[in-house]
Protein backbone atom coordinates (compact mmCIF):
# COMPACT_ATOMS: atom_id res chain seq x y z
CA MET A 1 10.73 11.10 173.37
CA LYS A 2 10.28 12.22 176.95
CA ASN A 3 7.47 14.64 176.19
CA CYS A 4 4.86 13.96 173.57
CA LYS A 5 2.86 17.12 172.89
CA LEU A 6 0.41 15.51 170.46
CA CYS A 7 -0.66 12.83 172.90
CA LYS A 8 -2.35 13.56 176.24
CA TYR A 9 -1.34 10.18 177.62
CA SER A 10 2.33 10.96 178.06
CA LYS A 11 3.07 7.70 179.94
CA VAL A 12 1.80 5.59 177.06
CA CYS A 13 3.64 7.78 174.55
CA ASN A 14 6.89 7.52 176.49
CA ASP A 15 6.64 3.72 176.26
CA LEU A 16 5.45 3.70 172.65
CA PRO A 17 6.28 6.96 170.84
CA GLY A 18 4.70 5.65 167.63
CA ILE A 19 1.25 5.80 169.24
CA CYS A 20 1.38 9.60 169.22
CA ILE A 21 1.67 9.54 165.45
CA LEU A 22 -0.91 6.79 164.94
CA VAL A 23 -3.64 8.01 167.33
CA PRO A 24 -5.10 10.71 165.01
CA TYR A 25 -5.12 8.31 162.04
CA ILE A 26 -6.69 5.53 164.12
CA ALA A 27 -9.39 7.92 165.34
CA VAL A 28 -10.19 9.05 161.78
CA ALA A 29 -10.23 5.45 160.56
CA VAL A 30 -12.59 4.35 163.34
CA VAL A 31 -14.99 7.22 162.62
CA ALA A 32 -14.87 6.59 158.86
CA ILE A 33 -15.49 2.85 159.29
CA ALA A 34 -18.33 3.49 161.75
CA MET A 35 -20.00 6.00 159.42
CA GLY A 36 -19.56 3.69 156.43
CA TYR A 37 -20.99 0.76 158.37
CA LEU A 38 -24.01 2.77 159.51
CA PHE A 39 -24.59 4.09 155.99
CA ILE A 40 -24.39 0.63 154.42
CA THR A 41 -26.67 -0.98 157.01
CA GLN A 42 -29.22 1.81 156.64
CA GLU A 43 -29.18 1.53 152.85
CA LEU A 44 -29.61 -2.24 152.94
CA LEU A 45 -32.53 -1.96 155.35
C-alpha cells in the first residue's frame, strides 16, 4: 500500500498498512471508554 487514503499519516501507513484500518476503531474506542469512565465517576460521586 503506497498510498493510504484513509490515513493522513501516509509514512506511518506505508510502514504499517493495518494502522489505517485500526485508527477509526481505536479513536471510537478511546472516546467510548473516556465517556464511560467520566459517566461512572460522576455517578459514583
